[in-house]
Amino acid sequence: MGGGYGIVWSVVIPAYNEAQRLPAYLREVIAFFEERGEPYEIIVVDDGSGDSTQERVHELQAVHPRVRLIALPQNRGKGYAVRVGMVNARGAFRLFADADGATPIGEVRRLLPALQAGTDIVIGSRVLLDPEVSVQAKRHRVWAGRVFNWLVARLGLPRIADSQCGFKCFRGPVAEDLFRSLATDGFGFDVELLLLAQRRGYTIVEVAVNWADQPGSKVSVLTDGPRMLWQILTARLSLARGRQER
């Protein structure tokens, strides 16, 4: 399953002031991949945290050497942190997951069939209906998500139900290609990433995953929503300009 790579799985976790939520999820990720028995690495990208996030990661590193820490000197945004992690990853499959553990790492099993079938990108979804999946989200976030996804569909991703779920897996060469081209540093990076993947002809499959809203979210509907839309519009225009120039 490794496809010539020494490491089968890379898990990239962007973290900004996650000293409280990250350790439990890191332990969950470690336990899951230890049980699978395949070579893996976990890359935590600390995005200029002002709390003890790095210290908590160092404590786990002392016991689990497969955990790597990349410490950014200043806060650049989730998109930038994920990009740094992905281009430094070495796995045949490269997953990024949110530090709060909203999507249990065991949901990797739901992505596996599409990956084993040769799909380039498999993304988790909180919108697709599946009787075996539970999504627990606050009502205002559900409605904000629906509006956001409606707009995203009209900006070029009509076949993606949930562009923003922080649980996406890429084949190694695909990750290297896409993330080296990614320009969006903020929360809107997922849409640019999927638009770019679509333009380059990569196959994308969306899979329903379990997800539960966690206390302490870093995303504000009122402040980050408009900023994300602006980032997406900027990326859309940039991609369109690049196509015209070719």
Protein backbone atom coordinates (compact mmCIF):
# COMPACT_ATOMS: atom_id res chain seq x y z
CA MET A 1 0.00 0.00 0.00
CA GLY A 2 2.96 2.32 0.41
CA GLY A 3 3.60 2.66 -3.32
CA GLY A 4 7.38 2.91 -2.95
CA TYR A 5 7.29 5.22 0.06
CA GLY A 6 9.01 4.19 3.29
CA ILE A 7 6.22 5.86 5.26
CA VAL A 8 2.64 4.87 4.47
CA TRP A 9 0.74 7.53 6.44
CA SER A 10 1.50 11.16 7.21
CA VAL A 11 -0.93 13.01 9.46
CA VAL A 12 -0.56 16.79 9.42
CA ILE A 13 -2.17 18.67 12.30
CA PRO A 14 -2.12 22.49 12.21
CA ALA A 15 -2.23 23.94 15.72
CA TYR A 16 -2.70 27.45 17.05
CA ASN A 17 -2.99 27.81 20.84
CA GLU A 18 -4.10 24.17 21.16
CA ALA A 19 -2.37 23.21 24.42
CA GLN A 20 -5.67 22.08 25.92
CA ARG A 21 -7.25 20.17 23.02
CA LEU A 22 -4.30 18.80 21.05
CA PRO A 23 -2.70 16.29 23.47
CA ALA A 24 -5.77 14.04 23.71
CA TYR A 25 -6.18 13.96 19.94
CA LEU A 26 -2.48 13.29 19.41
CA ARG A 27 -2.68 10.30 21.73
CA GLU A 28 -5.73 9.08 19.78
CA VAL A 29 -3.87 9.38 16.47
CA ILE A 30 -0.80 7.61 17.83
CA ALA A 31 -2.87 4.72 19.23
CA PHE A 32 -4.77 4.29 15.95
CA PHE A 33 -1.69 4.04 13.75
CA GLU A 34 0.26 1.94 16.23
CA GLU A 35 -2.56 -0.58 16.05
CA ARG A 36 -2.53 -0.53 12.22
CA GLY A 37 1.14 -1.49 12.23
CA GLU A 38 2.03 0.52 9.10
CA PRO A 39 4.88 3.06 9.07
CA TYR A 40 3.53 6.50 9.90
CA GLU A 41 4.48 9.99 11.00
CA ILE A 42 2.54 12.76 12.70
CA ILE A 43 3.51 16.33 11.87
CA VAL A 44 2.23 19.05 14.17
CA VAL A 45 2.69 22.51 12.67
CA ASP A 46 2.55 25.06 15.46
CA ASP A 47 1.29 28.27 13.85
CA GLY A 48 2.98 30.78 16.17
CA SER A 49 1.08 29.77 19.32
CA GLY A 50 1.32 31.95 22.40
CA ASP A 51 0.47 29.16 24.84
CA SER A 52 2.23 25.89 25.74
CA THR A 53 1.27 23.98 22.58
CA GLN A 54 4.91 23.30 21.69
CA GLU A 55 5.71 22.06 25.20
CA ARG A 56 2.80 19.60 25.07
CA VAL A 57 4.04 18.26 21.72
CA HIS A 58 7.60 17.92 23.04
CA GLU A 59 6.28 15.84 25.96
CA LEU A 60 4.69 13.38 23.55
CA GLN A 61 7.74 13.40 21.27
CA ALA A 62 9.86 12.15 24.16
CA VAL A 63 7.76 8.98 24.23
CA HIS A 64 6.67 8.73 20.60
CA PRO A 65 9.48 9.63 18.15
CA ARG A 66 7.10 9.39 15.18
CA VAL A 67 5.70 12.76 16.24
CA ARG A 68 7.40 15.72 14.53
CA LEU A 69 7.00 19.39 15.39
CA ILE A 70 7.42 22.24 12.94
CA ALA A 71 7.33 25.53 14.83
CA LEU A 72 6.44 28.62 12.81
CA PRO A 73 7.82 31.89 14.26
CA GLN A 74 4.54 33.75 13.81
CA ASN A 75 0.88 33.09 13.15
CA ARG A 76 0.30 32.82 9.39
CA GLY A 77 -3.05 31.05 9.16
CA LYS A 78 -4.37 27.52 8.87
CA GLY A 79 -3.77 27.26 5.12
CA TYR A 80 -0.12 28.20 5.51
CA ALA A 81 0.38 25.75 8.39
CA VAL A 82 -1.19 22.86 6.48
CA ARG A 83 0.87 23.72 3.40
CA VAL A 84 4.12 23.64 5.40
CA GLY A 85 3.17 20.30 6.92
CA MET A 86 2.17 18.71 3.63
CA VAL A 87 5.28 19.71 1.70
CA ASN A 88 7.43 18.37 4.55
CA ALA A 89 5.51 15.09 4.80
CA ARG A 90 6.91 11.84 3.42
CA GLY A 91 3.93 9.50 3.41
CA ALA A 92 2.30 7.71 0.51
CA PHE A 93 -0.98 9.00 1.93
CA ARG A 94 -1.12 12.44 3.54
CA LEU A 95 -4.04 13.38 5.74
CA PHE A 96 -4.64 16.69 7.42
CA ALA A 97 -6.87 16.77 10.47
CA ASP A 98 -7.99 19.47 12.87
CA ALA A 99 -6.31 19.64 16.28
CA ASP A 100 -9.61 19.64 18.16
CA GLY A 101 -10.36 16.04 17.17
CA ALA A 102 -13.82 16.92 15.83
CA THR A 103 -13.37 14.07 13.35
CA PRO A 104 -12.13 10.92 15.15
CA ILE A 105 -8.98 9.57 13.55
CA GLY A 106 -10.72 6.22 13.14
CA GLU A 107 -12.69 7.79 10.29
CA VAL A 108 -9.62 7.06 8.16
CA ARG A 109 -11.26 3.66 7.70
CA ARG A 110 -14.11 5.33 5.82
CA LEU A 111 -11.65 6.97 3.44
CA LEU A 112 -9.71 3.77 2.75
CA PRO A 113 -11.94 2.12 0.11
CA ALA A 114 -11.68 5.15 -2.21
CA LEU A 115 -7.92 5.43 -1.62
CA GLN A 116 -7.45 1.72 -2.34
CA ALA A 117 -9.47 2.18 -5.55
CA GLY A 118 -6.91 4.74 -6.73
CA THR A 119 -8.68 8.02 -5.93
CA ASP A 120 -6.29 10.98 -5.76
CA ILE A 121 -8.08 12.94 -3.02
CA VAL A 122 -10.63 11.70 -0.49
CA ILE A 123 -12.34 14.30 1.69
CA GLY A 124 -14.52 13.96 4.75
CA SER A 125 -18.02 15.42 4.65
CA ARG A 126 -20.42 16.57 7.36
CA VAL A 127 -23.17 17.11 4.79
CA LEU A 128 -23.53 13.80 2.94
CA LEU A 129 -26.22 11.60 4.47
CA ASP A 130 -25.21 8.24 5.88
CA PRO A 131 -27.26 6.30 8.49
CA GLU A 132 -24.04 5.09 10.10
CA VAL A 133 -22.64 8.59 10.59
CA SER A 134 -23.45 11.16 13.26
CA VAL A 135 -22.80 14.89 12.91
CA GLN A 136 -23.23 17.03 16.02
CA ALA A 137 -23.07 20.74 15.23
CA LYS A 138 -24.54 23.92 16.66
CA ARG A 139 -27.57 25.13 14.73
CA HIS A 140 -26.09 28.49 13.72
CA ARG A 141 -23.01 26.75 12.34
CA VAL A 142 -25.16 24.33 10.35
CA TRP A 143 -27.01 27.19 8.68
CA ALA A 144 -23.82 29.19 8.09
CA GLY A 145 -22.26 26.09 6.54
CA ARG A 146 -25.20 25.60 4.19
CA VAL A 147 -25.01 29.18 3.00
CA PHE A 148 -21.24 28.95 2.58
CA ASN A 149 -21.41 25.69 0.63
CA TRP A 150 -24.18 27.13 -1.60
CA LEU A 151 -21.87 30.03 -2.47
CA VAL A 152 -18.88 27.74 -3.00
CA ALA A 153 -20.90 25.62 -5.44
CA ARG A 154 -21.56 28.74 -7.51
CA LEU A 155 -17.91 29.71 -7.41
CA GLY A 156 -16.81 26.54 -9.15
CA LEU A 157 -17.28 23.47 -6.92
CA PRO A 158 -20.84 22.29 -7.68
CA ARG A 159 -20.11 18.63 -6.92
CA ILE A 160 -18.58 19.17 -3.46
CA ALA A 161 -21.13 19.15 -0.62
CA ASP A 162 -18.74 20.17 2.18
CA SER A 163 -15.53 21.93 1.18
CA GLN A 164 -14.54 22.94 4.73
CA CYS A 165 -14.39 19.69 6.68
CA GLY A 166 -10.88 19.53 8.17
CA PHE A 167 -10.30 15.88 7.28
CA LYS A 168 -8.79 15.42 3.82
CA CYS A 169 -6.39 12.80 2.47
CA PHE A 170 -4.14 13.02 -0.60
CA ARG A 171 -1.80 10.69 -2.42
CA GLY A 172 1.79 11.82 -1.83
CA PRO A 173 2.60 13.16 -5.33
CA VAL A 174 -0.80 14.88 -5.51
CA ALA A 175 -0.20 16.62 -2.17
CA GLU A 176 3.24 17.78 -3.30
CA ASP A 177 1.83 19.20 -6.53
CA LEU A 178 -1.18 20.97 -5.04
CA PHE A 179 0.26 22.35 -1.82
CA ARG A 180 3.32 23.81 -3.51
CA SER A 181 0.90 25.81 -5.66
CA LEU A 182 -1.44 26.87 -2.85
CA ALA A 183 -1.56 30.63 -2.23
CA THR A 184 -4.29 31.06 0.42
CA ASP A 185 -2.94 31.26 3.97
CA GLY A 186 -6.25 31.54 5.84
CA PHE A 187 -9.30 29.35 6.47
CA GLY A 188 -10.44 29.68 2.84
CA PHE A 189 -7.57 27.52 1.59
CA ASP A 190 -9.71 24.37 1.24
CA VAL A 191 -11.68 25.87 -1.63
CA GLU A 192 -8.60 27.03 -3.53
CA LEU A 193 -7.11 23.57 -3.01
CA LEU A 194 -10.17 21.80 -4.43
CA LEU A 195 -10.51 24.26 -7.33
CA LEU A 196 -6.86 23.67 -8.19
CA ALA A 197 -7.28 19.89 -7.92
CA GLN A 198 -10.33 20.03 -10.16
CA ARG A 199 -8.47 22.13 -12.72
CA ARG A 200 -5.53 19.70 -12.78
CA GLY A 201 -7.80 16.73 -13.34
CA TYR A 202 -7.33 14.92 -10.03
CA THR A 203 -10.09 12.58 -8.90
CA ILE A 204 -11.94 13.68 -5.77
CA VAL A 205 -14.30 11.54 -3.70
CA GLU A 206 -16.32 12.86 -0.77
CA VAL A 207 -17.15 10.49 2.10
CA ALA A 208 -19.49 11.04 5.05
CA VAL A 209 -17.62 11.04 8.38
CA ASN A 210 -18.54 11.29 12.03
CA TRP A 211 -18.00 14.81 13.36
CA ALA A 212 -18.77 16.57 16.63
CA ASP A 213 -18.49 20.29 17.32
CA GLN A 214 -15.80 20.97 19.94
CA PRO A 215 -15.62 23.83 22.45
CA GLY A 216 -13.02 26.52 21.73
CA SER A 217 -13.41 26.81 17.96
CA LYS A 218 -10.99 29.25 16.31
CA VAL A 219 -13.47 30.04 13.50
CA SER A 220 -15.98 32.86 13.99
CA VAL A 221 -18.95 32.84 11.63
CA LEU A 222 -19.27 36.63 11.73
CA THR A 223 -15.60 37.62 11.37
CA ASP A 224 -14.04 34.68 9.53
CA GLY A 225 -16.96 34.00 7.16
CA PRO A 226 -16.58 37.22 5.11
CA ARG A 227 -12.78 36.89 5.21
CA MET A 228 -13.00 33.33 3.85
CA LEU A 229 -15.29 34.42 1.03
CA TRP A 230 -12.84 37.17 0.08
CA GLN A 231 -9.97 34.66 0.10
CA ILE A 232 -11.98 32.32 -2.11
CA LEU A 233 -12.90 35.06 -4.58
CA THR A 234 -9.25 36.11 -4.75
CA ALA A 235 -8.13 32.53 -5.39
CA ARG A 236 -10.87 32.03 -8.00
CA LEU A 237 -9.80 35.14 -9.89
CA SER A 238 -6.13 34.16 -9.66
CA LEU A 239 -6.81 30.68 -11.04
CA ALA A 240 -8.95 32.12 -13.85
CA ARG A 241 -6.21 34.62 -14.72
CA GLY A 242 -3.62 31.85 -14.81
CA ARG A 243 -5.75 29.81 -17.19
CA GLN A 244 -6.21 32.79 -19.50
CA GLU A 245 -2.47 33.50 -19.51
CA ARG A 246 -1.72 29.92 -20.64
